[in-house]
Protein backbone atom coordinates (compact mmCIF):
# COMPACT_ATOMS: atom_id res chain seq x y z
CA MET A 1 117.15 104.52 84.57
CA GLN A 2 115.92 100.96 84.10
CA HIS A 3 119.36 99.78 85.15
CA LEU A 4 118.84 101.57 88.47
CA VAL A 5 115.52 99.78 88.94
CA ALA A 6 117.02 96.42 88.01
CA THR A 7 119.94 96.99 90.37
CA ALA A 8 117.58 97.87 93.23
CA GLN A 9 115.60 94.69 92.60
CA ALA A 10 118.79 92.63 92.56
CA MET A 11 119.90 94.20 95.84
CA ALA A 12 116.57 93.41 97.49
CA ASP A 13 116.82 89.82 96.23
CA ALA A 14 120.36 89.52 97.60
CA ALA A 15 119.33 90.86 101.00
CA ARG A 16 116.37 88.46 101.17
CA ALA A 17 118.60 85.49 100.47
CA VAL A 18 120.90 86.15 103.42
CA ILE A 19 118.29 87.44 105.89
CA LEU A 20 115.63 84.75 105.70
CA PRO A 21 117.75 81.86 107.06
CA LYS A 22 118.55 84.01 110.10
CA PHE A 23 115.02 85.20 110.90
CA ARG A 24 113.52 83.40 113.93
CA SER A 25 116.76 81.46 114.31
CA SER A 26 117.67 80.46 117.86
CA ALA A 27 121.33 80.83 116.89
CA LEU A 28 121.01 84.52 115.92
CA ALA A 29 123.67 86.61 117.68
CA THR A 30 122.77 90.17 118.67
CA ASP A 31 125.07 93.04 119.62
CA ASN A 32 124.14 96.33 121.24
CA LYS A 33 125.34 99.52 119.51
CA GLN A 34 124.13 101.94 122.19
CA GLN A 35 125.89 102.45 125.50
CA GLY A 36 123.34 103.02 128.24
CA GLY A 37 120.45 101.84 126.07
CA PHE A 38 119.54 99.14 123.58
CA ASP A 39 120.08 99.61 119.84
CA PRO A 40 120.48 96.07 118.49
CA VAL A 41 122.37 94.92 115.42
CA THR A 42 122.57 91.32 114.24
CA GLU A 43 124.69 89.40 111.78
CA ALA A 44 121.64 89.45 109.52
CA ASP A 45 121.85 93.27 109.36
CA ARG A 46 125.53 93.17 108.49
CA ALA A 47 125.26 90.29 106.02
CA ALA A 48 122.37 91.95 104.19
CA GLU A 49 124.24 95.22 103.79
CA ARG A 50 127.34 93.38 102.58
CA ALA A 51 125.23 91.50 100.03
CA MET A 52 123.72 94.74 98.72
CA ARG A 53 127.11 96.42 98.55
CA ASP A 54 128.43 93.45 96.56
CA VAL A 55 125.69 94.01 93.98
CA LEU A 56 126.60 97.70 93.76
CA ALA A 57 130.30 96.94 93.40
CA ARG A 58 129.43 94.83 90.39
CA GLU A 59 126.64 96.88 88.79
CA ARG A 60 127.15 100.51 89.93
CA PRO A 61 130.79 100.93 91.03
CA HIS A 62 130.82 104.70 90.52
CA ASP A 63 127.82 105.47 92.73
CA SER A 64 128.12 106.59 96.35
CA ILE A 65 126.72 104.52 99.23
CA LEU A 66 125.31 105.50 102.62
CA GLY A 67 124.52 102.44 104.73
CA GLU A 68 123.53 102.03 108.36
CA GLU A 69 126.07 99.35 109.21
CA TYR A 70 129.09 100.19 107.04
CA GLY A 71 128.87 103.94 106.57
CA THR A 72 129.69 105.90 103.43
CA ARG A 73 131.54 105.14 100.23
CA ASP A 74 132.18 108.10 97.96
CA GLY A 75 131.47 107.86 94.25
CA THR A 76 131.66 110.08 91.20
CA SER A 77 128.28 109.60 89.47
CA GLY A 78 126.22 112.05 91.52
CA LEU A 79 123.94 109.25 92.75
CA THR A 80 123.89 107.78 96.25
CA TRP A 81 122.40 104.48 97.37
CA VAL A 82 120.92 104.79 100.85
CA LEU A 83 120.61 101.43 102.62
CA ASP A 84 119.01 100.16 105.79
CA PRO A 85 119.54 96.39 105.64
CA ILE A 86 116.98 95.70 108.38
CA ASP A 87 114.78 98.58 109.45
CA GLY A 88 113.18 97.33 112.65
CA THR A 89 115.91 95.16 114.13
CA ARG A 90 114.02 95.09 117.44
CA ALA A 91 111.06 93.54 115.61
CA PHE A 92 113.43 91.16 113.83
CA ILE A 93 114.89 89.76 117.04
CA CYS A 94 111.37 89.37 118.46
CA GLY A 95 110.22 87.37 115.43
CA THR A 96 107.59 89.86 114.28
CA PRO A 97 107.50 90.40 110.48
CA THR A 98 107.16 94.18 110.49
CA TRP A 99 110.83 94.88 109.71
CA GLY A 100 112.04 95.44 106.18
CA VAL A 101 114.91 96.12 103.83
CA LEU A 102 115.06 99.77 102.77
CA ILE A 103 116.79 100.88 99.58
CA ALA A 104 116.82 104.33 97.99
CA VAL A 105 118.63 106.03 95.14
CA ALA A 106 119.14 109.75 95.70
CA ASP A 107 120.49 112.61 93.63
CA ALA A 108 121.15 116.16 94.81
CA THR A 109 117.41 116.79 95.18
CA GLY A 110 116.67 113.74 97.33
CA PRO A 111 115.43 110.19 96.71
CA ILE A 112 114.37 109.37 93.15
CA LEU A 113 113.68 105.67 93.74
CA GLY A 114 112.62 103.79 96.85
CA VAL A 115 112.18 100.14 97.78
CA VAL A 116 110.63 98.64 100.91
CA ASP A 117 110.97 94.86 100.98
CA GLN A 118 109.53 92.46 103.59
CA PRO A 119 111.25 89.15 102.90
CA TYR A 120 109.30 86.91 105.29
CA ILE A 121 105.88 88.00 104.07
CA GLY A 122 107.28 88.18 100.56
CA GLU A 123 106.03 91.68 99.77
CA ARG A 124 107.99 94.31 97.85
CA PHE A 125 107.04 97.94 97.26
CA ILE A 126 108.90 100.03 94.68
CA GLY A 127 108.30 103.63 93.68
CA GLY A 128 109.97 106.26 91.51
CA LEU A 129 111.58 106.38 88.05
CA GLY A 130 108.26 105.33 86.54
CA GLN A 131 107.68 102.58 89.11
CA ALA A 132 104.67 102.49 91.46
CA ALA A 133 103.91 98.86 92.26
CA TRP A 134 103.86 96.22 94.93
CA THR A 135 104.08 92.46 94.66
CA GLY A 136 103.48 89.69 97.16
CA ALA A 137 102.61 86.07 97.69
CA HIS A 138 98.91 86.92 97.93
CA GLY A 139 98.66 89.51 95.18
CA GLY A 140 99.97 92.88 94.16
CA GLY A 141 99.02 96.02 92.34
CA THR A 142 99.63 99.71 91.87
CA LEU A 143 100.80 101.92 94.70
CA ARG A 144 98.02 104.34 95.59
CA THR A 145 97.30 106.11 98.86
CA SER A 146 93.85 106.04 100.44
CA GLY A 147 92.77 109.55 99.51
CA VAL A 148 91.72 110.34 103.10
CA THR A 149 91.71 114.12 103.53
CA ARG A 150 90.56 114.62 107.14
CA LEU A 151 92.45 113.90 110.34
CA ASP A 152 89.32 112.63 112.09
CA GLN A 153 89.12 109.89 109.44
CA ALA A 154 92.82 109.02 109.50
CA ARG A 155 94.49 105.79 110.63
CA LEU A 156 97.65 107.01 112.35
CA PHE A 157 100.80 104.97 113.03
CA THR A 158 104.11 105.49 114.78
CA THR A 159 106.72 102.98 115.89
CA PHE A 160 107.47 103.97 119.48
CA PRO A 161 104.79 105.25 121.91
CA GLU A 162 107.27 107.81 123.28
CA VAL A 163 107.81 109.10 119.67
CA GLY A 164 110.89 111.20 120.53
CA THR A 165 111.53 113.88 123.12
CA PRO A 166 108.81 114.77 125.64
CA GLU A 167 107.96 117.76 123.44
CA ASP A 168 107.73 115.50 120.37
CA ARG A 169 105.45 113.14 122.25
CA ALA A 170 103.16 115.97 123.32
CA ALA A 171 102.91 117.16 119.71
CA PHE A 172 102.18 113.63 118.49
CA GLU A 173 99.48 113.20 121.12
CA ARG A 174 97.73 116.32 119.82
CA VAL A 175 97.47 114.61 116.44
CA ALA A 176 96.46 111.27 117.95
CA ALA A 177 93.66 112.92 119.93
CA GLN A 178 92.06 113.99 116.65
CA ALA A 179 92.78 110.88 114.54
CA LYS A 180 90.26 108.10 113.92
CA LEU A 181 92.61 105.55 115.49
CA THR A 182 96.25 105.30 116.52
CA ARG A 183 98.44 102.20 116.39
CA TYR A 184 102.08 101.50 117.23
CA GLY A 185 105.04 99.34 116.36
CA LEU A 186 105.06 98.65 112.61
CA ASP A 187 108.48 100.14 111.79
CA CYS A 188 108.88 100.62 108.02
CA TYR A 189 105.87 98.41 107.26
CA ALA A 190 103.56 101.27 108.24
CA TYR A 191 104.97 103.31 105.34
CA ALA A 192 104.44 100.38 103.00
CA LEU A 193 100.80 100.10 104.08
CA LEU A 194 100.37 103.84 103.61
CA SER A 195 101.55 103.44 100.01
CA ILE A 196 98.71 100.98 99.29
CA GLY A 197 95.94 102.74 101.16
CA HIS A 198 95.64 100.83 104.45
CA VAL A 199 97.30 103.48 106.63
CA ASP A 200 96.70 107.20 106.17
CA LEU A 201 99.29 108.94 108.33
CA VAL A 202 102.69 108.04 109.82
CA ILE A 203 104.47 110.39 112.22
CA GLU A 204 107.93 109.65 113.65
CA ALA A 205 110.95 111.38 115.17
CA GLY A 206 114.64 110.63 115.54
CA LEU A 207 115.05 109.16 112.06
CA ASN A 208 118.23 108.86 110.01
CA ALA A 209 118.42 109.31 106.25
CA TYR A 210 118.47 105.54 105.73
CA ASP A 211 115.24 105.19 107.75
CA ILE A 212 113.14 107.49 105.56
CA GLN A 213 114.51 107.74 102.01
CA GLY A 214 113.17 104.37 100.85
CA PRO A 215 109.70 105.13 102.24
CA ILE A 216 109.74 108.58 100.62
CA GLY A 217 110.20 106.93 97.22
CA ILE A 218 107.20 104.64 97.49
CA ILE A 219 104.85 107.10 99.19
CA GLU A 220 105.48 109.89 96.71
CA ALA A 221 104.99 107.44 93.84
CA ALA A 222 101.66 106.47 95.43
CA GLY A 223 100.47 110.08 95.50
CA GLY A 224 101.30 110.83 99.12
CA ILE A 225 103.54 113.42 100.73
CA VAL A 226 106.45 113.11 103.16
CA THR A 227 108.07 116.08 104.94
CA ASP A 228 109.52 117.07 108.26
CA TRP A 229 107.27 118.46 110.99
CA GLU A 230 107.69 121.98 109.58
CA GLY A 231 106.69 120.96 106.06
CA GLY A 232 110.23 120.95 104.67
CA PRO A 233 112.44 118.20 103.24
CA VAL A 234 113.16 115.24 105.49
CA HIS A 235 115.63 113.40 103.24
CA ASN A 236 118.38 113.68 105.83
CA GLY A 237 116.24 112.31 108.65
CA GLY A 238 114.80 113.91 111.77
CA ARG A 239 111.06 114.19 112.42
CA ALA A 240 108.85 112.88 109.59
CA VAL A 241 105.20 113.21 108.61
CA ALA A 242 103.95 110.92 105.84
CA ALA A 243 100.38 111.49 104.70
CA ALA A 244 98.01 110.10 102.10
CA THR A 245 96.96 113.54 100.82
CA GLU A 246 98.02 117.17 100.93
CA SER A 247 94.92 118.14 102.93
CA LEU A 248 95.58 115.51 105.58
CA HIS A 249 99.23 116.49 105.68
CA GLN A 250 98.38 120.15 106.32
CA GLU A 251 95.95 119.24 109.09
CA ALA A 252 98.56 117.01 110.75
CA LEU A 253 101.19 119.75 110.57
CA ALA A 254 98.81 122.21 112.18
CA ALA A 255 98.08 119.80 115.03
CA LEU A 256 101.78 119.14 115.58
CA LYS A 257 102.44 122.85 115.89
CA GLY A 258 99.57 123.24 118.36
């Protein structure tokens, strides 16, 4: 299992090395993946995923891969690496350091290890397989959620104000009306802050597996809980609720249901 942890660290290092020279670069080229909308991808996204796949080809050639930019590679080990080379590409192209590199290792039950890495700030969060720690240029420590148990004391985050469908937004607004405060736009960094006790609740919709499996690893290692809006597994994406405590999670689910 330590080889899995070491491989994840090496992948995060490799992604950092290729992403940082491209962040806030005036020469950064951006493509749009969504016809009739705007879903950006940059060469930094693609280069970071290639760099991580190169590490896996060398260190874990028999594992499967699911990546946002280059799809699936089937393996034989029963383990799958789930990769989002830049979660928050919109933030990336705007120069805001709330994006991150997401890495997870999953077995048949779901993610067993998660990494959220913010290269520009220099912070890394890793949870699972005996790991529950964060490191950064200004310190580090053990992953631990805030312990907040009540919705009226919770600091709530989501990325997009519209959340998802109109019905999803209405459900989110029921939670927001009861929360202590609501903030927007942190992408994966909100999950990282939840894992160290600065955010209490994150609610999102329209996620893919590669958006949520890395955060699941660190939040569960920190003592939190992550499910879908019905309280079931959210490993494959969809609508996610991440909470600092079971009590807060149950109160959020109840508010979402109305």
